[in-house]
Amino acid sequence: MADIKTKVQGLDPNVRARDVHGMANPTENIYETLAVITKRSKQLAVDLKHELHQKLEEFAVSSDTIEEISENKEQIEISKFYERLPNPVIIATEEFINGDLHYHYSDKKKKR
């Protein structure tokens, strides 16, 4: 997962307009292109969320009282780092455009 975080450090987190026809060239269908990008973005979102929760569990305190809330600067910095990361859809789109995203079709036709 650290590999993804290092790759996305230089990405612009803002949404930009894209050439739809150029993006559709590898699959020859914009809907297939969007399906590939969507599946990859869901994978990224789950992975990033899982990693964030693992890191924040280190700071979890099992206490019965709500009044004893303490702020941990490391926890705040970790949360801010993940908030600044680009949206998983932006990451997946960049991977697709750069050719880093590999996909294949599975044969789902039923043989009669």
C-alpha atoms as a PDB file:
ATOM      1  CA  MET A   1       0.000   0.000   0.000  1.00  0.00           C
ATOM      2  CA  ALA A   2       2.927   2.327   0.598  1.00  0.00           C
ATOM      3  CA  ASP A   3       3.623   2.044  -3.123  1.00  0.00           C
ATOM      4  CA  ILE A   4       0.278   3.669  -3.952  1.00  0.00           C
ATOM      5  CA  LYS A   5       0.809   6.432  -1.415  1.00  0.00           C
ATOM      6  CA  THR A   6       4.193   7.299  -2.885  1.00  0.00           C
ATOM      7  CA  LYS A   7       2.816   7.263  -6.447  1.00  0.00           C
ATOM      8  CA  VAL A   8      -0.059   9.616  -5.648  1.00  0.00           C
ATOM      9  CA  GLN A   9       1.998  12.202  -3.777  1.00  0.00           C
ATOM     10  CA  GLY A  10       2.560  14.213  -6.966  1.00  0.00           C
ATOM     11  CA  LEU A  11      -1.003  13.902  -8.297  1.00  0.00           C
ATOM     12  CA  ASP A  12      -3.243  16.931  -8.433  1.00  0.00           C
ATOM     13  CA  PRO A  13      -6.192  16.182  -6.104  1.00  0.00           C
ATOM     14  CA  ASN A  14      -8.484  18.439  -8.130  1.00  0.00           C
ATOM     15  CA  VAL A  15     -10.859  17.083 -10.766  1.00  0.00           C
ATOM     16  CA  ARG A  16      -9.987  17.980 -14.354  1.00  0.00           C
ATOM     17  CA  ALA A  17     -11.791  17.659 -17.649  1.00  0.00           C
ATOM     18  CA  ARG A  18     -10.628  14.663 -19.691  1.00  0.00           C
ATOM     19  CA  ASP A  19     -10.729  13.678 -23.339  1.00  0.00           C
ATOM     20  CA  VAL A  20     -13.426  11.004 -23.270  1.00  0.00           C
ATOM     21  CA  HIS A  21     -12.697   9.734 -26.758  1.00  0.00           C
ATOM     22  CA  GLY A  22      -8.999   9.383 -25.968  1.00  0.00           C
ATOM     23  CA  MET A  23      -9.767   7.461 -22.785  1.00  0.00           C
ATOM     24  CA  ALA A  24     -12.057   5.097 -24.694  1.00  0.00           C
ATOM     25  CA  ASN A  25      -9.379   4.095 -27.228  1.00  0.00           C
ATOM     26  CA  PRO A  26      -7.902   1.127 -25.291  1.00  0.00           C
ATOM     27  CA  THR A  27     -11.285  -0.536 -24.715  1.00  0.00           C
ATOM     28  CA  GLU A  28     -13.058   0.936 -27.757  1.00  0.00           C
ATOM     29  CA  ASN A  29     -16.044   1.662 -25.499  1.00  0.00           C
ATOM     30  CA  ILE A  30     -16.375   4.460 -22.955  1.00  0.00           C
ATOM     31  CA  TYR A  31     -18.659   2.367 -20.757  1.00  0.00           C
ATOM     32  CA  GLU A  32     -16.077  -0.401 -20.489  1.00  0.00           C
ATOM     33  CA  THR A  33     -13.430   2.206 -19.690  1.00  0.00           C
ATOM     34  CA  LEU A  34     -15.588   3.633 -16.919  1.00  0.00           C
ATOM     35  CA  ALA A  35     -16.301   0.141 -15.579  1.00  0.00           C
ATOM     36  CA  VAL A  36     -12.570  -0.603 -15.345  1.00  0.00           C
ATOM     37  CA  ILE A  37     -11.849   2.719 -13.636  1.00  0.00           C
ATOM     38  CA  THR A  38     -14.784   2.226 -11.252  1.00  0.00           C
ATOM     39  CA  LYS A  39     -13.671  -1.250 -10.187  1.00  0.00           C
ATOM     40  CA  ARG A  40     -10.121  -0.054  -9.567  1.00  0.00           C
ATOM     41  CA  SER A  41     -11.303   2.988  -7.602  1.00  0.00           C
ATOM     42  CA  LYS A  42     -13.420   0.744  -5.365  1.00  0.00           C
ATOM     43  CA  GLN A  43     -10.371  -1.440  -4.715  1.00  0.00           C
ATOM     44  CA  LEU A  44      -8.299   1.618  -3.843  1.00  0.00           C
ATOM     45  CA  ALA A  45     -10.978   3.033  -1.553  1.00  0.00           C
ATOM     46  CA  VAL A  46     -11.274  -0.221   0.397  1.00  0.00           C
ATOM     47  CA  ASP A  47      -7.492  -0.594   0.682  1.00  0.00           C
ATOM     48  CA  LEU A  48      -6.936   2.988   1.821  1.00  0.00           C
ATOM     49  CA  LYS A  49      -9.788   2.809   4.328  1.00  0.00           C
ATOM     50  CA  HIS A  50      -8.486  -0.474   5.749  1.00  0.00           C
ATOM     51  CA  GLU A  51      -4.964   0.931   6.084  1.00  0.00           C
ATOM     52  CA  LEU A  52      -6.213   4.116   7.769  1.00  0.00           C
ATOM     53  CA  HIS A  53      -8.269   2.151  10.283  1.00  0.00           C
ATOM     54  CA  GLN A  54      -5.273  -0.066  11.067  1.00  0.00           C
ATOM     55  CA  LYS A  55      -3.104   2.964  11.756  1.00  0.00           C
ATOM     56  CA  LEU A  56      -5.762   4.662  13.879  1.00  0.00           C
ATOM     57  CA  GLU A  57      -6.381   1.498  15.923  1.00  0.00           C
ATOM     58  CA  GLU A  58      -2.923   1.989  17.418  1.00  0.00           C
ATOM     59  CA  PHE A  59      -4.263   5.092  19.146  1.00  0.00           C
ATOM     60  CA  ALA A  60      -7.541   3.529  20.291  1.00  0.00           C
ATOM     61  CA  VAL A  61      -8.117   3.666  24.029  1.00  0.00           C
ATOM     62  CA  SER A  62     -10.699   1.405  25.589  1.00  0.00           C
ATOM     63  CA  SER A  63     -12.354   3.667  28.117  1.00  0.00           C
ATOM     64  CA  ASP A  64     -15.888   3.678  29.443  1.00  0.00           C
ATOM     65  CA  THR A  65     -16.104   7.417  29.986  1.00  0.00           C
ATOM     66  CA  ILE A  66     -16.588   9.871  27.180  1.00  0.00           C
ATOM     67  CA  GLU A  67     -15.184  12.733  29.223  1.00  0.00           C
ATOM     68  CA  GLU A  68     -11.619  11.449  28.937  1.00  0.00           C
ATOM     69  CA  ILE A  69     -10.977  12.457  25.323  1.00  0.00           C
ATOM     70  CA  SER A  70      -7.388  13.307  24.566  1.00  0.00           C
ATOM     71  CA  GLU A  71      -5.953  14.594  21.318  1.00  0.00           C
ATOM     72  CA  ASN A  72      -2.945  12.884  19.874  1.00  0.00           C
ATOM     73  CA  LYS A  73      -0.935  14.946  17.401  1.00  0.00           C
ATOM     74  CA  GLU A  74       0.297  11.857  15.542  1.00  0.00           C
ATOM     75  CA  GLN A  75      -3.275  10.662  15.067  1.00  0.00           C
ATOM     76  CA  ILE A  76      -4.302  14.063  13.734  1.00  0.00           C
ATOM     77  CA  GLU A  77      -1.358  14.118  11.297  1.00  0.00           C
ATOM     78  CA  ILE A  78      -2.212  10.641   9.981  1.00  0.00           C
ATOM     79  CA  SER A  79      -5.833  11.677   9.439  1.00  0.00           C
ATOM     80  CA  LYS A  80      -4.803  14.866   7.655  1.00  0.00           C
ATOM     81  CA  PHE A  81      -2.404  12.927   5.406  1.00  0.00           C
ATOM     82  CA  TYR A  82      -5.192  10.615   4.238  1.00  0.00           C
ATOM     83  CA  GLU A  83      -7.577  13.555   3.760  1.00  0.00           C
ATOM     84  CA  ARG A  84      -5.058  15.235   1.437  1.00  0.00           C
ATOM     85  CA  LEU A  85      -4.697  12.170  -0.782  1.00  0.00           C
ATOM     86  CA  PRO A  86      -6.498  12.400  -4.120  1.00  0.00           C
ATOM     87  CA  ASN A  87      -9.865  10.728  -4.476  1.00  0.00           C
ATOM     88  CA  PRO A  88      -9.583   7.033  -5.460  1.00  0.00           C
ATOM     89  CA  VAL A  89     -11.380   7.790  -8.738  1.00  0.00           C
ATOM     90  CA  ILE A  90      -8.710  10.342  -9.645  1.00  0.00           C
ATOM     91  CA  ILE A  91      -5.970   7.830  -8.810  1.00  0.00           C
ATOM     92  CA  ALA A  92      -7.649   5.083 -10.866  1.00  0.00           C
ATOM     93  CA  THR A  93      -8.173   7.446 -13.815  1.00  0.00           C
ATOM     94  CA  GLU A  94      -4.500   8.432 -13.791  1.00  0.00           C
ATOM     95  CA  GLU A  95      -3.482   4.775 -13.628  1.00  0.00           C
ATOM     96  CA  PHE A  96      -5.710   3.996 -16.629  1.00  0.00           C
ATOM     97  CA  ILE A  97      -4.440   6.926 -18.692  1.00  0.00           C
ATOM     98  CA  ASN A  98      -0.781   6.122 -17.918  1.00  0.00           C
ATOM     99  CA  GLY A  99      -1.288   2.461 -18.829  1.00  0.00           C
ATOM    100  CA  ASP A 100      -0.519   1.233 -15.300  1.00  0.00           C
ATOM    101  CA  LEU A 101      -3.926  -0.403 -14.973  1.00  0.00           C
ATOM    102  CA  HIS A 102      -4.222  -3.919 -16.376  1.00  0.00           C
ATOM    103  CA  TYR A 103      -7.571  -5.591 -16.934  1.00  0.00           C
ATOM    104  CA  HIS A 104      -8.989  -8.614 -18.691  1.00  0.00           C
ATOM    105  CA  TYR A 105     -12.390  -9.916 -19.628  1.00  0.00           C
ATOM    106  CA  SER A 106     -13.816 -13.051 -18.118  1.00  0.00           C
ATOM    107  CA  ASP A 107     -16.036 -15.225 -20.282  1.00  0.00           C
ATOM    108  CA  LYS A 108     -19.427 -15.154 -18.570  1.00  0.00           C
ATOM    109  CA  LYS A 109     -21.438 -16.688 -21.404  1.00  0.00           C
ATOM    110  CA  LYS A 110     -23.256 -19.831 -20.403  1.00  0.00           C
ATOM    111  CA  LYS A 111     -22.663 -22.789 -22.662  1.00  0.00           C
ATOM    112  CA  ARG A 112     -25.833 -24.596 -23.575  1.00  0.00           C
END
